[in-house]
Amino acid sequence: MAFQMGAIILFSVLLGQYLDKVLILSFPLFTLIFVLFGTFASLYLSLKDFITPKKSK
């Protein structure tokens, strides 16, 4: 689960940095947006896994 969270946040950081470089922005706007989105997305997925009961066979 920690790997999943780390991968989502790392991907969002790299995507934001790439977009900032391509669009030549002085302020890292897309990095900030995608880091926040990645953080909330990873927290949502983790909490969803904790809250939903597992079906036992």
C-alpha atoms as a PDB file:
ATOM      1  CA  MET A   1       0.000   0.000   0.000  1.00  0.00           C
ATOM      2  CA  ALA A   2       2.851   2.407   0.748  1.00  0.00           C
ATOM      3  CA  PHE A   3       4.358   1.602  -2.631  1.00  0.00           C
ATOM      4  CA  GLN A   4       1.049   2.422  -4.308  1.00  0.00           C
ATOM      5  CA  MET A   5       0.853   5.791  -2.532  1.00  0.00           C
ATOM      6  CA  GLY A   6       4.464   6.603  -3.344  1.00  0.00           C
ATOM      7  CA  ALA A   7       4.051   5.662  -6.984  1.00  0.00           C
ATOM      8  CA  ILE A   8       0.964   7.850  -7.413  1.00  0.00           C
ATOM      9  CA  ILE A   9       2.613  10.863  -5.785  1.00  0.00           C
ATOM     10  CA  LEU A  10       5.877  10.353  -7.699  1.00  0.00           C
ATOM     11  CA  PHE A  11       4.024  10.084 -11.016  1.00  0.00           C
ATOM     12  CA  SER A  12       2.062  13.248 -10.281  1.00  0.00           C
ATOM     13  CA  VAL A  13       5.244  15.167  -9.376  1.00  0.00           C
ATOM     14  CA  LEU A  14       7.001  14.074 -12.549  1.00  0.00           C
ATOM     15  CA  LEU A  15       3.974  14.913 -14.686  1.00  0.00           C
ATOM     16  CA  GLY A  16       3.671  18.361 -13.112  1.00  0.00           C
ATOM     17  CA  GLN A  17       7.376  19.101 -13.573  1.00  0.00           C
ATOM     18  CA  TYR A  18       7.219  17.987 -17.188  1.00  0.00           C
ATOM     19  CA  LEU A  19       4.258  20.240 -17.935  1.00  0.00           C
ATOM     20  CA  ASP A  20       5.960  23.188 -16.216  1.00  0.00           C
ATOM     21  CA  LYS A  21       9.063  22.688 -18.363  1.00  0.00           C
ATOM     22  CA  VAL A  22       7.106  22.307 -21.608  1.00  0.00           C
ATOM     23  CA  LEU A  23       4.954  25.378 -20.978  1.00  0.00           C
ATOM     24  CA  ILE A  24       7.914  27.380 -19.569  1.00  0.00           C
ATOM     25  CA  LEU A  25       6.179  28.705 -16.476  1.00  0.00           C
ATOM     26  CA  SER A  26       8.055  30.789 -13.919  1.00  0.00           C
ATOM     27  CA  PHE A  27       5.903  29.458 -11.070  1.00  0.00           C
ATOM     28  CA  PRO A  28       5.561  25.645 -10.765  1.00  0.00           C
ATOM     29  CA  LEU A  29       1.795  25.733 -11.113  1.00  0.00           C
ATOM     30  CA  PHE A  30       1.235  22.287 -12.607  1.00  0.00           C
ATOM     31  CA  THR A  31       3.622  20.669 -10.135  1.00  0.00           C
ATOM     32  CA  LEU A  32       1.624  22.121  -7.273  1.00  0.00           C
ATOM     33  CA  ILE A  33      -1.715  21.099  -8.789  1.00  0.00           C
ATOM     34  CA  PHE A  34      -0.652  17.551  -9.599  1.00  0.00           C
ATOM     35  CA  VAL A  35       1.075  17.002  -6.241  1.00  0.00           C
ATOM     36  CA  LEU A  36      -2.109  17.987  -4.422  1.00  0.00           C
ATOM     37  CA  PHE A  37      -4.210  15.837  -6.731  1.00  0.00           C
ATOM     38  CA  GLY A  38      -1.844  12.874  -6.353  1.00  0.00           C
ATOM     39  CA  THR A  39      -1.794  13.189  -2.585  1.00  0.00           C
ATOM     40  CA  PHE A  40      -5.566  13.273  -2.311  1.00  0.00           C
ATOM     41  CA  ALA A  41      -5.944  10.454  -4.829  1.00  0.00           C
ATOM     42  CA  SER A  42      -3.513   8.220  -2.949  1.00  0.00           C
ATOM     43  CA  LEU A  43      -5.198   8.977   0.379  1.00  0.00           C
ATOM     44  CA  TYR A  44      -8.588   8.215  -1.142  1.00  0.00           C
ATOM     45  CA  LEU A  45      -7.425   4.872  -2.511  1.00  0.00           C
ATOM     46  CA  SER A  46      -5.772   3.914   0.769  1.00  0.00           C
ATOM     47  CA  LEU A  47      -8.767   4.854   2.890  1.00  0.00           C
ATOM     48  CA  LYS A  48     -11.108   3.090   0.477  1.00  0.00           C
ATOM     49  CA  ASP A  49      -9.060  -0.093   0.922  1.00  0.00           C
ATOM     50  CA  PHE A  50      -9.226   0.235   4.708  1.00  0.00           C
ATOM     51  CA  ILE A  51     -12.912   1.031   4.962  1.00  0.00           C
ATOM     52  CA  THR A  52     -14.412  -1.466   2.516  1.00  0.00           C
ATOM     53  CA  PRO A  53     -14.759  -4.915   4.057  1.00  0.00           C
ATOM     54  CA  LYS A  54     -12.953  -7.769   2.365  1.00  0.00           C
ATOM     55  CA  LYS A  55     -15.112 -10.596   1.116  1.00  0.00           C
ATOM     56  CA  SER A  56     -14.046 -13.875   2.627  1.00  0.00           C
ATOM     57  CA  LYS A  57     -14.505 -17.094   0.692  1.00  0.00           C
END
